[in-house]
Amino acid sequence: MEARIGEVLERYDLGEYRQHPSHLLSGGQKQLLAISGVLVMRPEYVVFDEPTTLLDLRNRNRVAAAIRELPQTAIVVTHDLDLLRDFERVLVFEAGELIADAPPAEALRVYRERMTWP
């Protein structure tokens, strides 16, 4: 377990923060630390809920890259549409109803059409 923890922390350049209080980390570092904590368990699926919310552009891009590079299946709930463009499949829901299940370009077109203010 110690080796897996070290490996995952190094993957996200967090090795030097192993003993660092988490409340002193940046928002992006906290997100990557949270991802690291899950990956140590080697899950088959990883679920993200708004993983890039409140992050500056640099950290948003770091978290997006971490998600893209996962060998596991990633399930992402987000309003960050740019985050979804490289996914294989995007589901769009409106009022609890599935309104699109398609590749990103098509699903995001449906989302934009339905969610644009009249």
C-alpha atoms as a PDB file:
ATOM      1  CA  MET A   1       0.000   0.000   0.000  1.00  0.00           C
ATOM      2  CA  GLU A   2       2.843   2.407   0.838  1.00  0.00           C
ATOM      3  CA  ALA A   3       4.363   1.835  -2.614  1.00  0.00           C
ATOM      4  CA  ARG A   4       1.015   2.449  -4.326  1.00  0.00           C
ATOM      5  CA  ILE A   5       0.516   5.667  -2.365  1.00  0.00           C
ATOM      6  CA  GLY A   6       3.979   6.900  -3.318  1.00  0.00           C
ATOM      7  CA  GLU A   7       3.455   5.973  -6.963  1.00  0.00           C
ATOM      8  CA  VAL A   8       0.138   7.813  -7.255  1.00  0.00           C
ATOM      9  CA  LEU A   9       1.388  10.906  -5.398  1.00  0.00           C
ATOM     10  CA  GLU A  10       4.418  11.112  -7.685  1.00  0.00           C
ATOM     11  CA  ARG A  11       2.207  10.760 -10.771  1.00  0.00           C
ATOM     12  CA  TYR A  12       0.540  14.050  -9.831  1.00  0.00           C
ATOM     13  CA  ASP A  13       3.655  15.787  -8.474  1.00  0.00           C
ATOM     14  CA  LEU A  14       2.342  15.573  -4.912  1.00  0.00           C
ATOM     15  CA  GLY A  15       5.113  13.452  -3.401  1.00  0.00           C
ATOM     16  CA  GLU A  16       6.610  16.348  -1.468  1.00  0.00           C
ATOM     17  CA  TYR A  17       3.199  17.012   0.109  1.00  0.00           C
ATOM     18  CA  ARG A  18       2.804  13.547   1.601  1.00  0.00           C
ATOM     19  CA  GLN A  19       3.033  14.871   5.173  1.00  0.00           C
ATOM     20  CA  HIS A  20       1.713  18.349   4.330  1.00  0.00           C
ATOM     21  CA  PRO A  21      -1.591  19.459   5.913  1.00  0.00           C
ATOM     22  CA  SER A  22      -4.224  19.212   3.165  1.00  0.00           C
ATOM     23  CA  HIS A  23      -5.905  22.482   4.177  1.00  0.00           C
ATOM     24  CA  LEU A  24      -2.734  24.309   3.088  1.00  0.00           C
ATOM     25  CA  LEU A  25      -2.853  22.902  -0.465  1.00  0.00           C
ATOM     26  CA  SER A  26      -4.235  24.806  -3.446  1.00  0.00           C
ATOM     27  CA  GLY A  27      -7.618  23.851  -4.860  1.00  0.00           C
ATOM     28  CA  GLY A  28      -5.984  21.971  -7.730  1.00  0.00           C
ATOM     29  CA  GLN A  29      -3.641  20.131  -5.392  1.00  0.00           C
ATOM     30  CA  LYS A  30      -6.621  19.142  -3.232  1.00  0.00           C
ATOM     31  CA  GLN A  31      -8.470  17.786  -6.267  1.00  0.00           C
ATOM     32  CA  LEU A  32      -5.432  15.807  -7.398  1.00  0.00           C
ATOM     33  CA  LEU A  33      -4.945  14.541  -3.855  1.00  0.00           C
ATOM     34  CA  ALA A  34      -8.570  13.379  -3.792  1.00  0.00           C
ATOM     35  CA  ILE A  35      -8.088  11.618  -7.140  1.00  0.00           C
ATOM     36  CA  SER A  36      -4.890  10.047  -5.805  1.00  0.00           C
ATOM     37  CA  GLY A  37      -6.690   8.738  -2.739  1.00  0.00           C
ATOM     38  CA  VAL A  38      -9.219   6.967  -4.920  1.00  0.00           C
ATOM     39  CA  LEU A  39      -6.661   5.607  -7.399  1.00  0.00           C
ATOM     40  CA  VAL A  40      -4.620   3.958  -4.640  1.00  0.00           C
ATOM     41  CA  MET A  41      -7.555   1.560  -4.256  1.00  0.00           C
ATOM     42  CA  ARG A  42      -7.328   0.632  -7.978  1.00  0.00           C
ATOM     43  CA  PRO A  43     -11.042   0.940  -8.735  1.00  0.00           C
ATOM     44  CA  GLU A  44     -12.531  -0.154 -12.053  1.00  0.00           C
ATOM     45  CA  TYR A  45     -14.608   3.041 -12.277  1.00  0.00           C
ATOM     46  CA  VAL A  46     -13.991   6.551 -10.953  1.00  0.00           C
ATOM     47  CA  VAL A  47     -16.908   8.957 -10.521  1.00  0.00           C
ATOM     48  CA  PHE A  48     -16.292  12.712 -10.558  1.00  0.00           C
ATOM     49  CA  ASP A  49     -18.802  15.378  -9.529  1.00  0.00           C
ATOM     50  CA  GLU A  50     -17.879  18.815 -10.928  1.00  0.00           C
ATOM     51  CA  PRO A  51     -14.124  18.087 -10.689  1.00  0.00           C
ATOM     52  CA  THR A  52     -13.004  21.421 -12.163  1.00  0.00           C
ATOM     53  CA  THR A  53     -15.317  23.754 -10.234  1.00  0.00           C
ATOM     54  CA  LEU A  54     -13.538  26.699  -8.573  1.00  0.00           C
ATOM     55  CA  LEU A  55     -10.139  25.836 -10.099  1.00  0.00           C
ATOM     56  CA  ASP A  56      -7.941  28.318 -11.914  1.00  0.00           C
ATOM     57  CA  LEU A  57      -7.082  27.511 -15.534  1.00  0.00           C
ATOM     58  CA  ARG A  58      -3.755  25.800 -14.764  1.00  0.00           C
ATOM     59  CA  ASN A  59      -5.261  23.493 -12.144  1.00  0.00           C
ATOM     60  CA  ARG A  60      -8.386  22.911 -14.233  1.00  0.00           C
ATOM     61  CA  ASN A  61      -6.129  21.691 -17.027  1.00  0.00           C
ATOM     62  CA  ARG A  62      -4.118  19.497 -14.633  1.00  0.00           C
ATOM     63  CA  VAL A  63      -7.284  17.845 -13.313  1.00  0.00           C
ATOM     64  CA  ALA A  64      -8.683  17.444 -16.850  1.00  0.00           C
ATOM     65  CA  ALA A  65      -5.427  15.792 -17.961  1.00  0.00           C
ATOM     66  CA  ALA A  66      -5.499  13.480 -14.933  1.00  0.00           C
ATOM     67  CA  ILE A  67      -9.024  12.374 -15.834  1.00  0.00           C
ATOM     68  CA  ARG A  68      -8.153  11.868 -19.522  1.00  0.00           C
ATOM     69  CA  GLU A  69      -5.105   9.752 -18.637  1.00  0.00           C
ATOM     70  CA  LEU A  70      -6.926   7.370 -16.295  1.00  0.00           C
ATOM     71  CA  PRO A  71      -6.874   3.733 -17.344  1.00  0.00           C
ATOM     72  CA  GLN A  72     -10.176   3.318 -15.478  1.00  0.00           C
ATOM     73  CA  THR A  73     -13.578   4.237 -16.816  1.00  0.00           C
ATOM     74  CA  ALA A  74     -14.355   7.804 -15.739  1.00  0.00           C
ATOM     75  CA  ILE A  75     -17.913   8.928 -15.113  1.00  0.00           C
ATOM     76  CA  VAL A  76     -18.018  12.709 -14.926  1.00  0.00           C
ATOM     77  CA  VAL A  77     -20.899  14.931 -13.885  1.00  0.00           C
ATOM     78  CA  THR A  78     -20.051  18.467 -14.976  1.00  0.00           C
ATOM     79  CA  HIS A  79     -21.130  21.739 -16.526  1.00  0.00           C
ATOM     80  CA  ASP A  80     -17.558  22.245 -17.836  1.00  0.00           C
ATOM     81  CA  LEU A  81     -18.368  21.394 -21.440  1.00  0.00           C
ATOM     82  CA  ASP A  82     -14.749  21.645 -22.617  1.00  0.00           C
ATOM     83  CA  LEU A  83     -13.879  18.840 -20.225  1.00  0.00           C
ATOM     84  CA  LEU A  84     -16.189  16.491 -22.144  1.00  0.00           C
ATOM     85  CA  ARG A  85     -14.994  17.000 -25.714  1.00  0.00           C
ATOM     86  CA  ASP A  86     -12.522  14.073 -25.674  1.00  0.00           C
ATOM     87  CA  PHE A  87     -14.878  11.574 -24.044  1.00  0.00           C
ATOM     88  CA  GLU A  88     -16.267   8.634 -25.995  1.00  0.00           C
ATOM     89  CA  ARG A  89     -19.828   9.225 -24.880  1.00  0.00           C
ATOM     90  CA  VAL A  90     -21.777  12.063 -23.277  1.00  0.00           C
ATOM     91  CA  LEU A  91     -25.190  11.778 -21.653  1.00  0.00           C
ATOM     92  CA  VAL A  92     -27.316  14.908 -21.342  1.00  0.00           C
ATOM     93  CA  PHE A  93     -30.156  15.090 -18.846  1.00  0.00           C
ATOM     94  CA  GLU A  94     -32.916  17.659 -18.531  1.00  0.00           C
ATOM     95  CA  ALA A  95     -35.325  17.554 -15.591  1.00  0.00           C
ATOM     96  CA  GLY A  96     -34.176  14.002 -14.830  1.00  0.00           C
ATOM     97  CA  GLU A  97     -34.842  12.781 -18.376  1.00  0.00           C
ATOM     98  CA  LEU A  98     -32.138  11.547 -20.744  1.00  0.00           C
ATOM     99  CA  ILE A  99     -32.292  13.796 -23.814  1.00  0.00           C
ATOM    100  CA  ALA A 100     -29.016  12.816 -25.520  1.00  0.00           C
ATOM    101  CA  ASP A 101     -26.647   9.847 -25.503  1.00  0.00           C
ATOM    102  CA  ALA A 102     -24.061  10.477 -28.187  1.00  0.00           C
ATOM    103  CA  PRO A 103     -20.462  11.368 -28.992  1.00  0.00           C
ATOM    104  CA  PRO A 104     -19.428  14.705 -27.434  1.00  0.00           C
ATOM    105  CA  ALA A 105     -19.980  16.970 -30.459  1.00  0.00           C
ATOM    106  CA  GLU A 106     -23.552  15.799 -30.956  1.00  0.00           C
ATOM    107  CA  ALA A 107     -24.496  15.592 -27.274  1.00  0.00           C
ATOM    108  CA  LEU A 108     -23.042  19.013 -26.495  1.00  0.00           C
ATOM    109  CA  ARG A 109     -24.911  20.524 -29.477  1.00  0.00           C
ATOM    110  CA  VAL A 110     -28.157  19.160 -27.996  1.00  0.00           C
ATOM    111  CA  TYR A 111     -27.199  20.508 -24.572  1.00  0.00           C
ATOM    112  CA  ARG A 112     -26.460  23.976 -25.919  1.00  0.00           C
ATOM    113  CA  GLU A 113     -29.710  24.056 -27.924  1.00  0.00           C
ATOM    114  CA  ARG A 114     -31.824  23.013 -24.946  1.00  0.00           C
ATOM    115  CA  MET A 115     -30.062  25.082 -22.306  1.00  0.00           C
ATOM    116  CA  THR A 116     -29.702  28.352 -24.224  1.00  0.00           C
ATOM    117  CA  TRP A 117     -31.887  31.145 -22.899  1.00  0.00           C
ATOM    118  CA  PRO A 118     -34.785  31.801 -25.314  1.00  0.00           C
END
